[in-house]
Amino acid sequence: MQNKLGEVLAQAGVVPVLVIDDAKEALPLAQALVEGGLNVLEVTLRTEAALAAVEEIARHLPDAHVGTGTVLNADDLRRSVNAGATFMVSPGATEKLLDAAEDYAVPLLPGAASPSEVMRLYERGYRYQKFFPAQAAGGVPMLKSIGGPVPQVQFCPTGGIGPANAADYLALANVVCIGGSWMASPTLVKDKNWSEVTRLAREAATLAN
């Protein structure tokens, strides 16, 4: 499953982290992002519409990879898989969550913010991890430092990343992709400004390439 996850993340470059309040906005938002060159999408489980949004994207955009974020427990895992998520992302990791994840064929990207957390996840077979909250946890210097003693782990840093610092993260040898929300801000979604979403997505995709 880690190989499968690695392929998806490597293809992503930049993963839009989406907070969707209305499931009706899910498909046009996803289409705008895919048109801009970003086809790996993370829908956070922070709203009541999140799972319906995942279902909508999974049903109508089969060429996109839609996953869930803010996965905190076994119930979130189950609901994500049932909604059609192709990957799941957690801000951290607990033993209960990791144990429960073993029951599913859909891969989990667990979060870590320190060398000890990275090592514990690596011991359990996680070669791909989310680094969160990226900027608050030390940013580029921290990831560079972790890469020295633990070069086997590849990261998707998320949290505080935008156009101004995205390239700095993407330049690191142990960063496979980054997560960010700037190309699909709440204001753009509320205004249904899909053309601007596509423009920003295209810029983000160029950064990744």
Protein backbone atom coordinates (compact mmCIF):
# COMPACT_ATOMS: atom_id res chain seq x y z
CA MET A 1 0.00 0.00 0.00
CA GLN A 2 2.90 2.36 0.65
CA ASN A 3 4.11 1.85 -2.94
CA LYS A 4 0.63 2.69 -4.20
CA LEU A 5 0.53 5.80 -2.01
CA GLY A 6 4.00 6.84 -3.15
CA GLU A 7 2.95 6.70 -6.80
CA VAL A 8 -0.07 8.93 -6.12
CA LEU A 9 1.92 11.47 -4.09
CA ALA A 10 4.77 11.61 -6.61
CA GLN A 11 2.24 12.31 -9.34
CA ALA A 12 0.63 15.04 -7.23
CA GLY A 13 3.42 17.54 -6.66
CA VAL A 14 0.95 19.86 -4.95
CA VAL A 15 -2.14 18.52 -3.16
CA PRO A 16 -5.01 20.99 -2.72
CA VAL A 17 -6.37 20.72 0.83
CA LEU A 18 -10.08 21.44 0.55
CA VAL A 19 -12.69 22.50 3.09
CA ILE A 20 -16.08 22.07 1.40
CA ASP A 21 -19.20 23.41 3.10
CA ASP A 22 -21.64 22.59 0.30
CA ALA A 23 -21.42 19.30 -1.61
CA LYS A 24 -22.85 21.05 -4.70
CA GLU A 25 -19.58 22.98 -4.95
CA ALA A 26 -17.44 19.85 -4.86
CA LEU A 27 -17.58 18.89 -8.53
CA PRO A 28 -17.02 22.33 -10.12
CA LEU A 29 -14.21 22.98 -7.63
CA ALA A 30 -12.56 19.64 -8.38
CA GLN A 31 -12.98 20.16 -12.14
CA ALA A 32 -11.35 23.59 -11.89
CA LEU A 33 -8.38 22.13 -10.00
CA VAL A 34 -7.96 19.21 -12.40
CA GLU A 35 -8.16 21.58 -15.37
CA GLY A 36 -5.29 23.49 -13.79
CA GLY A 37 -3.20 20.33 -13.55
CA LEU A 38 -3.85 19.21 -9.96
CA ASN A 39 -5.64 15.88 -9.87
CA VAL A 40 -4.80 14.61 -6.37
CA LEU A 41 -7.28 16.25 -4.00
CA GLU A 42 -7.67 16.07 -0.23
CA VAL A 43 -11.11 16.84 1.20
CA THR A 44 -10.86 17.46 4.93
CA LEU A 45 -13.46 15.89 7.21
CA ARG A 46 -14.12 19.22 8.93
CA THR A 47 -17.60 19.81 7.52
CA GLU A 48 -20.82 17.84 7.32
CA ALA A 49 -20.64 18.02 3.52
CA ALA A 50 -17.17 16.46 3.28
CA LEU A 51 -18.11 12.83 2.67
CA ALA A 52 -20.84 13.72 0.17
CA ALA A 53 -18.25 15.88 -1.60
CA VAL A 54 -15.82 12.93 -1.79
CA GLU A 55 -18.58 10.72 -3.21
CA GLU A 56 -19.44 13.33 -5.83
CA ILE A 57 -15.85 13.77 -6.98
CA ALA A 58 -15.12 10.03 -6.96
CA ARG A 59 -18.24 9.32 -9.02
CA HIS A 60 -17.80 11.99 -11.69
CA LEU A 61 -14.01 12.42 -11.92
CA PRO A 62 -12.58 8.89 -12.14
CA ASP A 63 -9.22 10.21 -13.38
CA ALA A 64 -8.74 12.25 -10.20
CA HIS A 65 -7.47 10.84 -6.93
CA VAL A 66 -9.70 12.09 -4.13
CA GLY A 67 -8.78 11.41 -0.52
CA THR A 68 -9.93 12.50 2.90
CA GLY A 69 -8.03 14.60 5.41
CA THR A 70 -8.41 15.21 9.16
CA VAL A 71 -8.87 11.45 9.64
CA LEU A 72 -8.75 10.98 13.40
CA ASN A 73 -10.18 7.56 14.25
CA ALA A 74 -11.43 4.20 12.98
CA ASP A 75 -14.86 5.61 12.16
CA ASP A 76 -13.29 8.27 9.93
CA LEU A 77 -11.35 5.53 8.13
CA ARG A 78 -14.50 3.47 7.54
CA ARG A 79 -16.55 6.42 6.32
CA SER A 80 -13.74 7.57 4.03
CA VAL A 81 -13.43 4.19 2.35
CA ASN A 82 -17.20 3.90 1.95
CA ALA A 83 -17.30 7.34 0.33
CA GLY A 84 -14.77 6.27 -2.30
CA ALA A 85 -11.57 7.85 -0.99
CA THR A 86 -8.42 6.50 -2.65
CA PHE A 87 -6.16 7.67 0.19
CA MET A 88 -6.58 9.06 3.71
CA VAL A 89 -4.57 11.67 5.61
CA SER A 90 -4.25 12.18 9.35
CA PRO A 91 -2.72 15.20 11.12
CA GLY A 92 -0.98 12.85 13.54
CA ALA A 93 -1.05 9.19 14.48
CA THR A 94 -2.25 7.06 17.39
CA GLU A 95 -1.76 3.34 17.86
CA LYS A 96 -5.54 2.81 17.58
CA LEU A 97 -5.68 4.66 14.28
CA LEU A 98 -2.70 2.79 12.83
CA ASP A 99 -4.11 -0.56 13.96
CA ALA A 100 -7.49 0.23 12.39
CA ALA A 101 -5.84 1.36 9.13
CA GLU A 102 -4.44 -2.15 8.67
CA ASP A 103 -7.98 -3.40 7.99
CA TYR A 104 -8.32 -1.35 4.79
CA ALA A 105 -6.80 -1.56 1.33
CA VAL A 106 -6.90 2.24 1.05
CA PRO A 107 -3.56 3.72 2.19
CA LEU A 108 -3.15 6.12 5.10
CA LEU A 109 -0.74 9.06 5.15
CA PRO A 110 -0.17 9.61 8.89
CA GLY A 111 1.18 12.83 10.35
CA ALA A 112 4.41 13.43 12.25
CA ALA A 113 6.07 16.58 13.58
CA SER A 114 9.23 15.33 15.31
CA PRO A 115 12.07 12.83 14.72
CA SER A 116 10.65 10.45 17.32
CA GLU A 117 7.23 10.45 15.68
CA VAL A 118 8.83 9.92 12.27
CA MET A 119 10.84 6.97 13.61
CA ARG A 120 7.82 5.35 15.27
CA LEU A 121 5.82 5.54 12.04
CA TYR A 122 8.76 4.23 10.03
CA GLU A 123 9.00 1.26 12.40
CA ARG A 124 5.41 0.46 11.47
CA GLY A 125 6.21 0.54 7.76
CA TYR A 126 5.23 4.10 6.88
CA ARG A 127 7.78 5.36 4.37
CA TYR A 128 5.46 8.20 3.39
CA GLN A 129 4.31 10.62 6.08
CA LYS A 130 2.61 13.96 6.39
CA PHE A 131 4.74 16.62 8.10
CA PHE A 132 2.28 18.77 10.04
CA PRO A 133 2.02 21.57 11.00
CA ALA A 134 4.91 22.21 8.64
CA GLN A 135 5.81 25.84 9.29
CA ALA A 136 5.02 25.74 13.02
CA ALA A 137 7.01 22.50 13.45
CA GLY A 138 10.23 23.96 12.05
CA GLY A 139 9.55 24.16 8.32
CA VAL A 140 12.25 23.58 5.74
CA PRO A 141 15.17 23.52 8.23
CA MET A 142 13.44 20.83 10.34
CA LEU A 143 12.67 18.63 7.34
CA LYS A 144 16.23 19.02 6.07
CA SER A 145 17.55 18.01 9.49
CA ILE A 146 15.29 14.95 9.71
CA GLY A 147 16.40 13.89 6.23
CA GLY A 148 19.95 13.37 7.49
CA PRO A 149 19.37 10.52 9.96
CA VAL A 150 16.13 9.22 8.40
CA PRO A 151 16.55 9.52 4.62
CA GLN A 152 14.22 6.55 4.05
CA VAL A 153 11.10 8.62 4.79
CA GLN A 154 9.44 10.90 2.24
CA PHE A 155 7.14 13.69 3.39
CA CYS A 156 4.11 15.67 2.30
CA PRO A 157 4.44 18.83 4.42
CA THR A 158 1.21 20.75 5.03
CA GLY A 159 0.38 23.78 7.16
CA GLY A 160 1.49 27.32 6.48
CA ILE A 161 2.62 26.57 2.94
CA GLY A 162 1.77 28.98 0.13
CA PRO A 163 3.18 30.37 -3.13
CA ALA A 164 5.95 32.23 -1.28
CA ASN A 165 7.56 29.14 0.28
CA ALA A 166 6.22 26.19 -1.74
CA ALA A 167 9.32 25.95 -3.94
CA ASP A 168 11.60 25.82 -0.87
CA TYR A 169 9.78 22.71 0.37
CA LEU A 170 9.60 21.08 -3.05
CA ALA A 171 13.36 21.48 -3.45
CA LEU A 172 14.06 19.17 -0.49
CA ALA A 173 15.19 15.62 -1.30
CA ASN A 174 12.81 14.11 1.28
CA VAL A 175 9.69 15.96 0.11
CA VAL A 176 7.55 14.02 -2.37
CA CYS A 177 4.79 16.64 -2.56
CA ILE A 178 3.25 19.47 -0.54
CA GLY A 179 -0.26 20.25 0.64
CA GLY A 180 -1.86 23.68 0.58
CA SER A 181 -5.17 25.48 0.35
CA TRP A 182 -4.25 28.77 -1.33
CA MET A 183 -5.55 27.72 -4.77
CA ALA A 184 -9.00 26.97 -3.36
CA SER A 185 -9.53 29.54 -0.62
CA PRO A 186 -12.95 29.84 1.07
CA THR A 187 -13.49 33.19 -0.67
CA LEU A 188 -12.86 31.75 -4.14
CA VAL A 189 -15.17 28.82 -3.45
CA LYS A 190 -17.89 31.02 -1.99
CA ASP A 191 -17.71 33.32 -5.03
CA LYS A 192 -17.60 30.29 -7.36
CA ASN A 193 -14.59 31.86 -9.03
CA TRP A 194 -13.59 28.65 -10.77
CA SER A 195 -11.46 30.39 -13.42
CA GLU A 196 -9.23 31.86 -10.70
CA VAL A 197 -9.03 28.45 -9.00
CA THR A 198 -7.83 26.99 -12.31
CA ARG A 199 -5.28 29.78 -12.77
CA LEU A 200 -3.84 29.30 -9.29
CA ALA A 201 -3.85 25.53 -9.73
CA ARG A 202 -1.91 25.93 -12.97
CA GLU A 203 0.67 28.09 -11.20
CA ALA A 204 0.95 25.51 -8.40
CA ALA A 205 1.38 22.68 -10.90
CA THR A 206 4.17 24.63 -12.58
CA LEU A 207 5.90 25.01 -9.21
CA ALA A 208 5.81 21.25 -8.74
CA ASN A 209 7.27 20.61 -12.18
